[in-house]
Amino acid sequence: MDEEIREKYIRAGKIASEARDFGANMIKPGVSLLEVANKVESKILEKGAGIAFPTNISINEIAAHYSPIHNDKLVFKKGDVVKLDVGAHVDGYIADTATTVEAGTNKYSDMIKASEDGLNAAIEMMKPDVNLSKVGSTVSKTISDYGFKPIDNLTGHGLQKFILHSGVSVPSVPDMLNKSKIKEGDVIAIEPFATNGAGHVVTGSGSNIFLCSSSLKSKIIRDSRAKNMHNKLSKIFKTLPFAERWTTSLFDNNETVLRRLTFLKLLKHYPQLIDAGKGIVTQKEHTVIITKDGCEVTT
């Protein structure tokens, strides 16, 4: 990897981890989800990075993909198990990191430790040409030894410039069909989830997180107003996800615009991902750069 690019990944990782820890310390009963999301994202911008994706604040059985709406009234309740997932980028080079905080109680500390230890076990194995199914087996055993289940259909993922999910998938369970190979210079986000539920997520309602579809789709849509709105969003957010609340200054009726563009398949609206058994879910995530003999954690 070019040293200048590596330095950008390292800088993005430092900023993302600082923002993650800043946000985690805010999570207490009675605190607004919207306040945490806005302050975490402001911290990233203040440090000179870009926001790689809307801050995800997923509570209890929601494993991933909830970000507050612009007028969100939700607050943390005592006992909430909160996954805080944060992304920053420097010139498109992304750091993706997450942690789990229990608001005001200590009931699920073992489950939080299970996902953390699963992550650490995976990191120890990451090197060029590693068998990713064996990584999944190790993560699965680590989490299972705590008495919990890994989530089988959520995986770690490759990161490329301005692309949040690319290339390889890093499973948390054995996956003999996974023939992906990682190589020196690859950048990977590793994120085991643990649960006392079904160990499998299903889609729920909308997350308030969107992604612009390819410009090719906009070319075949006859609705010129929709095309113009899509082009505006594409110019601003490019290939990275964005939040509904980021669009309030762009359109007077932003929620209507987003619904219309989603209906026309010009936007992807991410669904919430919920444990099928409505179990509590914990998560821990780091981004790593694959080196000649192992990996370097950036977050």
C-alpha atoms as a PDB file:
ATOM      1  CA  MET A   1       0.000   0.000   0.000  1.00  0.00           C
ATOM      2  CA  ASP A   2       1.199   3.470  -0.859  1.00  0.00           C
ATOM      3  CA  GLU A   3       2.416   5.166   2.337  1.00  0.00           C
ATOM      4  CA  GLU A   4       0.342   8.300   1.718  1.00  0.00           C
ATOM      5  CA  ILE A   5      -2.815   6.179   1.446  1.00  0.00           C
ATOM      6  CA  ARG A   6      -1.870   4.208   4.560  1.00  0.00           C
ATOM      7  CA  GLU A   7      -1.466   7.451   6.500  1.00  0.00           C
ATOM      8  CA  LYS A   8      -4.973   8.524   5.438  1.00  0.00           C
ATOM      9  CA  TYR A   9      -6.416   5.221   6.643  1.00  0.00           C
ATOM     10  CA  ILE A  10      -4.556   5.616   9.947  1.00  0.00           C
ATOM     11  CA  ARG A  11      -5.777   9.190  10.373  1.00  0.00           C
ATOM     12  CA  ALA A  12      -9.356   8.198   9.574  1.00  0.00           C
ATOM     13  CA  GLY A  13      -9.090   5.396  12.118  1.00  0.00           C
ATOM     14  CA  LYS A  14      -7.819   7.700  14.849  1.00  0.00           C
ATOM     15  CA  ILE A  15     -10.630  10.172  14.252  1.00  0.00           C
ATOM     16  CA  ALA A  16     -13.311   7.473  14.059  1.00  0.00           C
ATOM     17  CA  SER A  17     -12.144   5.843  17.292  1.00  0.00           C
ATOM     18  CA  GLU A  18     -12.068   9.189  19.113  1.00  0.00           C
ATOM     19  CA  ALA A  19     -15.595   9.976  17.902  1.00  0.00           C
ATOM     20  CA  ARG A  20     -16.769   6.463  18.882  1.00  0.00           C
ATOM     21  CA  ASP A  21     -15.423   6.807  22.418  1.00  0.00           C
ATOM     22  CA  PHE A  22     -16.801  10.338  22.710  1.00  0.00           C
ATOM     23  CA  GLY A  23     -20.256   9.108  21.722  1.00  0.00           C
ATOM     24  CA  ALA A  24     -20.080   6.023  23.936  1.00  0.00           C
ATOM     25  CA  ASN A  25     -19.434   8.202  26.976  1.00  0.00           C
ATOM     26  CA  MET A  26     -22.623  10.163  26.214  1.00  0.00           C
ATOM     27  CA  ILE A  27     -24.903   7.117  26.300  1.00  0.00           C
ATOM     28  CA  LYS A  28     -26.895   7.342  29.517  1.00  0.00           C
ATOM     29  CA  PRO A  29     -30.571   7.029  30.423  1.00  0.00           C
ATOM     30  CA  GLY A  30     -32.511  10.106  29.350  1.00  0.00           C
ATOM     31  CA  VAL A  31     -30.001  11.257  26.718  1.00  0.00           C
ATOM     32  CA  SER A  32     -31.333  11.867  23.211  1.00  0.00           C
ATOM     33  CA  LEU A  33     -30.232   9.552  20.384  1.00  0.00           C
ATOM     34  CA  LEU A  34     -30.306  12.544  18.040  1.00  0.00           C
ATOM     35  CA  GLU A  35     -27.960  14.507  20.295  1.00  0.00           C
ATOM     36  CA  VAL A  36     -25.438  11.669  20.354  1.00  0.00           C
ATOM     37  CA  ALA A  37     -25.552  11.181  16.569  1.00  0.00           C
ATOM     38  CA  ASN A  38     -25.173  14.894  15.848  1.00  0.00           C
ATOM     39  CA  LYS A  39     -22.311  15.355  18.307  1.00  0.00           C
ATOM     40  CA  VAL A  40     -20.435  12.275  17.091  1.00  0.00           C
ATOM     41  CA  GLU A  41     -20.675  13.479  13.498  1.00  0.00           C
ATOM     42  CA  SER A  42     -19.690  17.008  14.473  1.00  0.00           C
ATOM     43  CA  LYS A  43     -16.623  15.599  16.226  1.00  0.00           C
ATOM     44  CA  ILE A  44     -15.574  13.811  13.022  1.00  0.00           C
ATOM     45  CA  LEU A  45     -15.932  17.011  11.003  1.00  0.00           C
ATOM     46  CA  GLU A  46     -14.135  19.101  13.633  1.00  0.00           C
ATOM     47  CA  LYS A  47     -11.158  16.743  13.417  1.00  0.00           C
ATOM     48  CA  GLY A  48     -10.935  17.333   9.664  1.00  0.00           C
ATOM     49  CA  ALA A  49     -12.377  14.065   8.344  1.00  0.00           C
ATOM     50  CA  GLY A  50     -15.545  13.287   6.408  1.00  0.00           C
ATOM     51  CA  ILE A  51     -18.448  11.201   7.678  1.00  0.00           C
ATOM     52  CA  ALA A  52     -18.319   7.785   5.995  1.00  0.00           C
ATOM     53  CA  PHE A  53     -21.900   6.867   6.927  1.00  0.00           C
ATOM     54  CA  PRO A  54     -24.599   8.106   9.316  1.00  0.00           C
ATOM     55  CA  THR A  55     -23.925   7.242  12.925  1.00  0.00           C
ATOM     56  CA  ASN A  56     -25.802   4.020  13.675  1.00  0.00           C
ATOM     57  CA  ILE A  57     -27.428   3.787  17.113  1.00  0.00           C
ATOM     58  CA  SER A  58     -29.079   0.372  17.295  1.00  0.00           C
ATOM     59  CA  ILE A  59     -30.770  -0.649  20.533  1.00  0.00           C
ATOM     60  CA  ASN A  60     -31.466  -4.065  22.092  1.00  0.00           C
ATOM     61  CA  GLU A  61     -32.749  -6.515  19.410  1.00  0.00           C
ATOM     62  CA  ILE A  62     -31.815  -4.130  16.582  1.00  0.00           C
ATOM     63  CA  ALA A  63     -28.382  -5.313  15.474  1.00  0.00           C
ATOM     64  CA  ALA A  64     -27.683  -2.555  12.969  1.00  0.00           C
ATOM     65  CA  HIS A  65     -29.015   0.221  10.752  1.00  0.00           C
ATOM     66  CA  TYR A  66     -30.874   2.720  12.871  1.00  0.00           C
ATOM     67  CA  SER A  67     -29.946   6.377  12.673  1.00  0.00           C
ATOM     68  CA  PRO A  68     -32.097   9.125  14.190  1.00  0.00           C
ATOM     69  CA  ILE A  69     -34.475  11.150  12.016  1.00  0.00           C
ATOM     70  CA  HIS A  70     -34.140  14.960  12.041  1.00  0.00           C
ATOM     71  CA  ASN A  71     -36.812  15.429  14.729  1.00  0.00           C
ATOM     72  CA  ASP A  72     -36.240  12.144  16.586  1.00  0.00           C
ATOM     73  CA  LYS A  73     -37.637  12.139  20.122  1.00  0.00           C
ATOM     74  CA  LEU A  74     -36.155   8.826  21.264  1.00  0.00           C
ATOM     75  CA  VAL A  75     -34.006   8.785  24.397  1.00  0.00           C
ATOM     76  CA  PHE A  76     -31.975   6.007  25.957  1.00  0.00           C
ATOM     77  CA  LYS A  77     -33.770   4.041  28.662  1.00  0.00           C
ATOM     78  CA  LYS A  78     -32.109   2.388  31.639  1.00  0.00           C
ATOM     79  CA  GLY A  79     -31.003  -1.089  30.590  1.00  0.00           C
ATOM     80  CA  ASP A  80     -30.821  -0.365  26.857  1.00  0.00           C
ATOM     81  CA  VAL A  81     -28.032  -2.255  25.078  1.00  0.00           C
ATOM     82  CA  VAL A  82     -26.754   0.243  22.529  1.00  0.00           C
ATOM     83  CA  LYS A  83     -24.597  -0.489  19.490  1.00  0.00           C
ATOM     84  CA  LEU A  84     -22.790   2.687  18.399  1.00  0.00           C
ATOM     85  CA  ASP A  85     -21.338   2.294  14.880  1.00  0.00           C
ATOM     86  CA  VAL A  86     -19.200   5.164  13.578  1.00  0.00           C
ATOM     87  CA  GLY A  87     -17.448   5.836  10.275  1.00  0.00           C
ATOM     88  CA  ALA A  88     -14.966   8.486   9.178  1.00  0.00           C
ATOM     89  CA  HIS A  89     -12.984   8.940   5.994  1.00  0.00           C
ATOM     90  CA  VAL A  90     -10.015  10.961   4.843  1.00  0.00           C
ATOM     91  CA  ASP A  91     -10.196  11.623   1.096  1.00  0.00           C
ATOM     92  CA  GLY A  92     -12.426   8.552   0.783  1.00  0.00           C
ATOM     93  CA  TYR A  93     -10.235   6.190   2.804  1.00  0.00           C
ATOM     94  CA  ILE A  94     -12.619   4.783   5.418  1.00  0.00           C
ATOM     95  CA  ALA A  95     -12.471   3.695   9.042  1.00  0.00           C
ATOM     96  CA  ASP A  96     -15.476   1.757  10.389  1.00  0.00           C
ATOM     97  CA  THR A  97     -15.725   0.993  14.092  1.00  0.00           C
ATOM     98  CA  ALA A  98     -18.355   0.078  16.670  1.00  0.00           C
ATOM     99  CA  THR A  99     -18.815  -0.593  20.349  1.00  0.00           C
ATOM    100  CA  THR A 100     -21.643  -1.619  22.672  1.00  0.00           C
ATOM    101  CA  VAL A 101     -22.719   0.321  25.766  1.00  0.00           C
ATOM    102  CA  GLU A 102     -25.301  -0.716  28.334  1.00  0.00           C
ATOM    103  CA  ALA A 103     -27.186   2.342  29.567  1.00  0.00           C
ATOM    104  CA  GLY A 104     -27.160   2.544  33.345  1.00  0.00           C
ATOM    105  CA  THR A 105     -27.016  -1.208  34.086  1.00  0.00           C
ATOM    106  CA  ASN A 106     -24.543  -4.076  33.901  1.00  0.00           C
ATOM    107  CA  LYS A 107     -26.733  -7.046  32.996  1.00  0.00           C
ATOM    108  CA  TYR A 108     -25.190  -7.872  29.610  1.00  0.00           C
ATOM    109  CA  SER A 109     -21.474  -7.375  30.312  1.00  0.00           C
ATOM    110  CA  ASP A 110     -20.721 -11.020  29.406  1.00  0.00           C
ATOM    111  CA  MET A 111     -22.423 -10.659  26.038  1.00  0.00           C
ATOM    112  CA  ILE A 112     -20.536  -7.424  25.360  1.00  0.00           C
ATOM    113  CA  LYS A 113     -17.304  -9.245  26.261  1.00  0.00           C
ATOM    114  CA  ALA A 114     -18.265 -12.149  23.964  1.00  0.00           C
ATOM    115  CA  SER A 115     -18.450  -9.927  20.870  1.00  0.00           C
ATOM    116  CA  GLU A 116     -15.257  -8.125  21.900  1.00  0.00           C
ATOM    117  CA  ASP A 117     -13.328 -11.360  22.397  1.00  0.00           C
ATOM    118  CA  GLY A 118     -14.725 -12.684  19.110  1.00  0.00           C
ATOM    119  CA  LEU A 119     -13.326  -9.613  17.389  1.00  0.00           C
ATOM    120  CA  ASN A 120      -9.925  -9.978  19.046  1.00  0.00           C
ATOM    121  CA  ALA A 121      -9.764 -13.649  18.054  1.00  0.00           C
ATOM    122  CA  ALA A 122     -10.493 -12.736  14.432  1.00  0.00           C
ATOM    123  CA  ILE A 123      -7.886  -9.963  14.423  1.00  0.00           C
ATOM    124  CA  GLU A 124      -5.221 -12.417  15.635  1.00  0.00           C
ATOM    125  CA  MET A 125      -5.920 -14.621  12.596  1.00  0.00           C
ATOM    126  CA  MET A 126      -6.023 -11.915   9.929  1.00  0.00           C
ATOM    127  CA  LYS A 127      -3.171 -12.181   7.434  1.00  0.00           C
ATOM    128  CA  PRO A 128      -2.818 -12.726   3.681  1.00  0.00           C
ATOM    129  CA  ASP A 129      -4.583 -15.856   2.334  1.00  0.00           C
ATOM    130  CA  VAL A 130      -6.147 -16.733   5.690  1.00  0.00           C
ATOM    131  CA  ASN A 131      -8.977 -19.281   5.508  1.00  0.00           C
ATOM    132  CA  LEU A 132     -11.951 -17.065   6.334  1.00  0.00           C
ATOM    133  CA  SER A 133     -14.142 -20.043   7.208  1.00  0.00           C
ATOM    134  CA  LYS A 134     -11.645 -20.890   9.949  1.00  0.00           C
ATOM    135  CA  VAL A 135     -11.837 -17.289  11.134  1.00  0.00           C
ATOM    136  CA  GLY A 136     -15.615 -17.704  11.314  1.00  0.00           C
ATOM    137  CA  SER A 137     -15.209 -20.964  13.246  1.00  0.00           C
ATOM    138  CA  THR A 138     -12.945 -19.288  15.773  1.00  0.00           C
ATOM    139  CA  VAL A 139     -15.296 -16.340  16.241  1.00  0.00           C
ATOM    140  CA  SER A 140     -18.249 -18.691  16.583  1.00  0.00           C
ATOM    141  CA  LYS A 141     -16.518 -20.826  19.219  1.00  0.00           C
ATOM    142  CA  THR A 142     -15.377 -17.759  21.146  1.00  0.00           C
ATOM    143  CA  ILE A 143     -18.899 -16.350  21.342  1.00  0.00           C
ATOM    144  CA  SER A 144     -20.503 -19.742  21.955  1.00  0.00           C
ATOM    145  CA  ASP A 145     -18.142 -20.409  24.861  1.00  0.00           C
ATOM    146  CA  TYR A 146     -19.817 -17.481  26.624  1.00  0.00           C
ATOM    147  CA  GLY A 147     -23.202 -19.132  26.101  1.00  0.00           C
ATOM    148  CA  PHE A 148     -24.346 -16.843  23.275  1.00  0.00           C
ATOM    149  CA  LYS A 149     -24.857 -17.159  19.526  1.00  0.00           C
ATOM    150  CA  PRO A 150     -22.946 -15.349  16.780  1.00  0.00           C
ATOM    151  CA  ILE A 151     -25.197 -13.764  14.177  1.00  0.00           C
ATOM    152  CA  ASP A 152     -24.743 -15.917  11.097  1.00  0.00           C
ATOM    153  CA  ASN A 153     -25.865 -13.476   8.377  1.00  0.00           C
ATOM    154  CA  LEU A 154     -23.919 -10.390   9.421  1.00  0.00           C
ATOM    155  CA  THR A 155     -20.292 -10.291   8.303  1.00  0.00           C
ATOM    156  CA  GLY A 156     -17.261  -8.097   8.253  1.00  0.00           C
ATOM    157  CA  HIS A 157     -16.455  -6.514   4.911  1.00  0.00           C
ATOM    158  CA  GLY A 158     -13.792  -5.021   2.714  1.00  0.00           C
ATOM    159  CA  LEU A 159     -13.338  -1.257   2.437  1.00  0.00           C
ATOM    160  CA  GLN A 160     -12.208   0.628  -0.635  1.00  0.00           C
ATOM    161  CA  LYS A 161     -11.929   4.310  -1.482  1.00  0.00           C
ATOM    162  CA  PHE A 162     -15.420   5.816  -1.087  1.00  0.00           C
ATOM    163  CA  ILE A 163     -16.925   2.279  -0.976  1.00  0.00           C
ATOM    164  CA  LEU A 164     -18.145   1.065   2.411  1.00  0.00           C
ATOM    165  CA  HIS A 165     -18.845  -2.578   1.509  1.00  0.00           C
ATOM    166  CA  SER A 166     -16.604  -4.213  -1.061  1.00  0.00           C
ATOM    167  CA  GLY A 167     -14.711  -7.374  -1.781  1.00  0.00           C
ATOM    168  CA  VAL A 168     -14.421  -9.995   0.935  1.00  0.00           C
ATOM    169  CA  SER A 169     -16.855 -10.966   3.684  1.00  0.00           C
ATOM    170  CA  VAL A 170     -15.530 -12.018   7.090  1.00  0.00           C
ATOM    171  CA  PRO A 171     -18.016 -14.450   8.683  1.00  0.00           C
ATOM    172  CA  SER A 172     -18.708 -15.029  12.362  1.00  0.00           C
ATOM    173  CA  VAL A 173     -19.624 -18.667  11.713  1.00  0.00           C
ATOM    174  CA  PRO A 174     -17.996 -21.457   9.623  1.00  0.00           C
ATOM    175  CA  ASP A 175     -18.649 -20.777   5.941  1.00  0.00           C
ATOM    176  CA  MET A 176     -17.145 -23.408   3.655  1.00  0.00           C
ATOM    177  CA  LEU A 177     -18.580 -21.625   0.600  1.00  0.00           C
ATOM    178  CA  ASN A 178     -16.586 -18.494   1.361  1.00  0.00           C
ATOM    179  CA  LYS A 179     -13.656 -18.723  -1.073  1.00  0.00           C
ATOM    180  CA  SER A 180     -12.604 -15.095  -0.678  1.00  0.00           C
ATOM    181  CA  LYS A 181      -8.915 -14.425  -0.213  1.00  0.00           C
ATOM    182  CA  ILE A 182      -7.458 -11.397   1.488  1.00  0.00           C
ATOM    183  CA  LYS A 183      -4.091 -10.015   0.507  1.00  0.00           C
ATOM    184  CA  GLU A 184      -1.494  -7.593   1.792  1.00  0.00           C
ATOM    185  CA  GLY A 185      -2.840  -4.046   1.559  1.00  0.00           C
ATOM    186  CA  ASP A 186      -6.502  -4.974   1.875  1.00  0.00           C
ATOM    187  CA  VAL A 187      -8.536  -2.957   4.365  1.00  0.00           C
ATOM    188  CA  ILE A 188     -11.144  -4.942   6.280  1.00  0.00           C
ATOM    189  CA  ALA A 189     -13.826  -4.057   8.830  1.00  0.00           C
ATOM    190  CA  ILE A 190     -14.328  -6.981  11.233  1.00  0.00           C
ATOM    191  CA  GLU A 191     -17.543  -6.900  13.293  1.00  0.00           C
ATOM    192  CA  PRO A 192     -18.795  -9.919  15.255  1.00  0.00           C
ATOM    193  CA  PHE A 193     -22.277  -9.721  16.776  1.00  0.00           C
ATOM    194  CA  ALA A 194     -23.374 -11.833  19.753  1.00  0.00           C
ATOM    195  CA  THR A 195     -26.947 -12.492  20.881  1.00  0.00           C
ATOM    196  CA  ASN A 196     -29.102 -14.479  23.280  1.00  0.00           C
ATOM    197  CA  GLY A 197     -31.717 -14.687  20.526  1.00  0.00           C
ATOM    198  CA  ALA A 198     -31.962 -16.565  17.239  1.00  0.00           C
ATOM    199  CA  GLY A 199     -28.493 -15.735  15.892  1.00  0.00           C
ATOM    200  CA  HIS A 200     -29.978 -14.593  12.592  1.00  0.00           C
ATOM    201  CA  VAL A 201     -31.251 -11.153  11.573  1.00  0.00           C
ATOM    202  CA  VAL A 202     -34.336 -10.272   9.578  1.00  0.00           C
ATOM    203  CA  THR A 203     -35.284  -6.963   8.012  1.00  0.00           C
ATOM    204  CA  GLY A 204     -37.414  -4.492   9.932  1.00  0.00           C
ATOM    205  CA  SER A 205     -38.685  -1.012   9.203  1.00  0.00           C
ATOM    206  CA  GLY A 206     -36.652   1.771   7.638  1.00  0.00           C
ATOM    207  CA  SER A 207     -33.426   2.988   9.151  1.00  0.00           C
ATOM    208  CA  ASN A 208     -33.420   6.622   7.925  1.00  0.00           C
ATOM    209  CA  ILE A 209     -30.211   5.707   6.036  1.00  0.00           C
ATOM    210  CA  PHE A 210     -30.075   5.975   2.239  1.00  0.00           C
ATOM    211  CA  LEU A 211     -27.666   5.370  -0.645  1.00  0.00           C
ATOM    212  CA  CYS A 212     -27.831   6.795  -4.152  1.00  0.00           C
ATOM    213  CA  SER A 213     -28.365   4.142  -6.812  1.00  0.00           C
ATOM    214  CA  SER A 214     -26.328   4.208 -10.014  1.00  0.00           C
ATOM    215  CA  SER A 215     -26.718   7.170 -12.329  1.00  0.00           C
ATOM    216  CA  LEU A 216     -27.701   4.675 -15.049  1.00  0.00           C
ATOM    217  CA  LYS A 217     -31.071   4.199 -13.339  1.00  0.00           C
ATOM    218  CA  SER A 218     -31.707   7.933 -13.318  1.00  0.00           C
ATOM    219  CA  LYS A 219     -31.167   8.089 -17.066  1.00  0.00           C
ATOM    220  CA  ILE A 220     -34.095   5.800 -17.800  1.00  0.00           C
ATOM    221  CA  ILE A 221     -36.513   7.626 -15.474  1.00  0.00           C
ATOM    222  CA  ARG A 222     -38.729  10.129 -17.324  1.00  0.00           C
ATOM    223  CA  ASP A 223     -39.513  12.182 -14.220  1.00  0.00           C
ATOM    224  CA  SER A 224     -37.144  15.122 -14.733  1.00  0.00           C
ATOM    225  CA  ARG A 225     -37.768  16.509 -11.240  1.00  0.00           C
ATOM    226  CA  ALA A 226     -36.834  13.180  -9.683  1.00  0.00           C
ATOM    227  CA  LYS A 227     -33.725  13.021 -11.860  1.00  0.00           C
ATOM    228  CA  ASN A 228     -32.637  16.470 -10.712  1.00  0.00           C
ATOM    229  CA  MET A 229     -33.157  15.615  -7.051  1.00  0.00           C
ATOM    230  CA  HIS A 230     -31.252  12.348  -7.456  1.00  0.00           C
ATOM    231  CA  ASN A 231     -28.417  14.140  -9.248  1.00  0.00           C
ATOM    232  CA  LYS A 232     -28.221  16.659  -6.412  1.00  0.00           C
ATOM    233  CA  LEU A 233     -27.941  13.928  -3.803  1.00  0.00           C
ATOM    234  CA  SER A 234     -25.412  11.985  -5.898  1.00  0.00           C
ATOM    235  CA  LYS A 235     -23.221  15.059  -6.271  1.00  0.00           C
ATOM    236  CA  ILE A 236     -23.160  15.669  -2.518  1.00  0.00           C
ATOM    237  CA  PHE A 237     -23.009  12.143  -1.068  1.00  0.00           C
ATOM    238  CA  LYS A 238     -21.473  10.240  -3.999  1.00  0.00           C
ATOM    239  CA  THR A 239     -21.154   6.507  -3.223  1.00  0.00           C
ATOM    240  CA  LEU A 240     -21.483   6.777   0.565  1.00  0.00           C
ATOM    241  CA  PRO A 241     -24.656   6.340   2.654  1.00  0.00           C
ATOM    242  CA  PHE A 242     -26.385   9.440   4.015  1.00  0.00           C
ATOM    243  CA  ALA A 243     -28.995  10.238   6.668  1.00  0.00           C
ATOM    244  CA  GLU A 244     -32.472  11.656   6.237  1.00  0.00           C
ATOM    245  CA  ARG A 245     -31.554  14.409   8.701  1.00  0.00           C
ATOM    246  CA  TRP A 246     -28.728  15.548   6.440  1.00  0.00           C
ATOM    247  CA  THR A 247     -31.224  16.415   3.691  1.00  0.00           C
ATOM    248  CA  THR A 248     -33.508  18.824   5.571  1.00  0.00           C
ATOM    249  CA  SER A 249     -31.585  21.820   4.192  1.00  0.00           C
ATOM    250  CA  LEU A 250     -31.666  20.433   0.632  1.00  0.00           C
ATOM    251  CA  PHE A 251     -35.413  19.962   0.170  1.00  0.00           C
ATOM    252  CA  ASP A 252     -38.378  21.644   1.865  1.00  0.00           C
ATOM    253  CA  ASN A 253     -40.276  18.344   1.963  1.00  0.00           C
ATOM    254  CA  ASN A 254     -37.272  16.084   2.334  1.00  0.00           C
ATOM    255  CA  GLU A 255     -39.141  13.029   3.660  1.00  0.00           C
ATOM    256  CA  THR A 256     -41.513  13.081   0.679  1.00  0.00           C
ATOM    257  CA  VAL A 257     -38.577  13.456  -1.715  1.00  0.00           C
ATOM    258  CA  LEU A 258     -36.744  10.501  -0.181  1.00  0.00           C
ATOM    259  CA  ARG A 259     -39.842   8.303  -0.306  1.00  0.00           C
ATOM    260  CA  ARG A 260     -40.406   9.223  -3.960  1.00  0.00           C
ATOM    261  CA  LEU A 261     -36.815   8.498  -4.985  1.00  0.00           C
ATOM    262  CA  THR A 262     -36.850   5.216  -3.063  1.00  0.00           C
ATOM    263  CA  PHE A 263     -40.075   4.201  -4.826  1.00  0.00           C
ATOM    264  CA  LEU A 264     -38.400   4.938  -8.178  1.00  0.00           C
ATOM    265  CA  LYS A 265     -35.386   2.844  -7.060  1.00  0.00           C
ATOM    266  CA  LEU A 266     -33.111   5.855  -7.380  1.00  0.00           C
ATOM    267  CA  LEU A 267     -32.273   5.481  -3.684  1.00  0.00           C
ATOM    268  CA  LYS A 268     -31.696   2.438  -1.537  1.00  0.00           C
ATOM    269  CA  HIS A 269     -33.324   2.755   1.902  1.00  0.00           C
ATOM    270  CA  TYR A 270     -31.501   0.471   4.309  1.00  0.00           C
ATOM    271  CA  PRO A 271     -33.770  -1.628   6.550  1.00  0.00           C
ATOM    272  CA  GLN A 272     -33.159  -2.096  10.240  1.00  0.00           C
ATOM    273  CA  LEU A 273     -31.597  -5.506  10.935  1.00  0.00           C
ATOM    274  CA  ILE A 274     -33.297  -7.241  13.866  1.00  0.00           C
ATOM    275  CA  ASP A 275     -32.544 -10.529  15.610  1.00  0.00           C
ATOM    276  CA  ALA A 276     -35.233 -12.968  14.465  1.00  0.00           C
ATOM    277  CA  GLY A 277     -35.838 -14.093  18.043  1.00  0.00           C
ATOM    278  CA  LYS A 278     -35.912 -10.513  19.385  1.00  0.00           C
ATOM    279  CA  GLY A 279     -32.873 -11.296  21.502  1.00  0.00           C
ATOM    280  CA  ILE A 280     -30.456  -8.687  22.810  1.00  0.00           C
ATOM    281  CA  VAL A 281     -27.540  -8.071  20.429  1.00  0.00           C
ATOM    282  CA  THR A 282     -24.014  -6.792  21.098  1.00  0.00           C
ATOM    283  CA  GLN A 283     -21.336  -5.747  18.594  1.00  0.00           C
ATOM    284  CA  LYS A 284     -17.686  -4.802  18.496  1.00  0.00           C
ATOM    285  CA  GLU A 285     -15.866  -3.637  15.358  1.00  0.00           C
ATOM    286  CA  HIS A 286     -12.433  -2.534  14.228  1.00  0.00           C
ATOM    287  CA  THR A 287     -10.901  -1.722  10.857  1.00  0.00           C
ATOM    288  CA  VAL A 288      -7.593  -3.374   9.982  1.00  0.00           C
ATOM    289  CA  ILE A 289      -5.013  -3.081   7.211  1.00  0.00           C
ATOM    290  CA  ILE A 290      -3.647  -6.454   6.126  1.00  0.00           C
ATOM    291  CA  THR A 291       0.148  -6.512   6.316  1.00  0.00           C
ATOM    292  CA  LYS A 292       2.725  -9.026   5.133  1.00  0.00           C
ATOM    293  CA  ASP A 293       2.547 -11.123   8.303  1.00  0.00           C
ATOM    294  CA  GLY A 294      -0.675 -10.020  10.000  1.00  0.00           C
ATOM    295  CA  CYS A 295      -2.699  -6.854  10.276  1.00  0.00           C
ATOM    296  CA  GLU A 296      -2.625  -3.325  11.673  1.00  0.00           C
ATOM    297  CA  VAL A 297      -5.664  -2.060  13.589  1.00  0.00           C
ATOM    298  CA  THR A 298      -6.548   1.506  12.581  1.00  0.00           C
ATOM    299  CA  THR A 299      -9.398   2.100  15.026  1.00  0.00           C
END
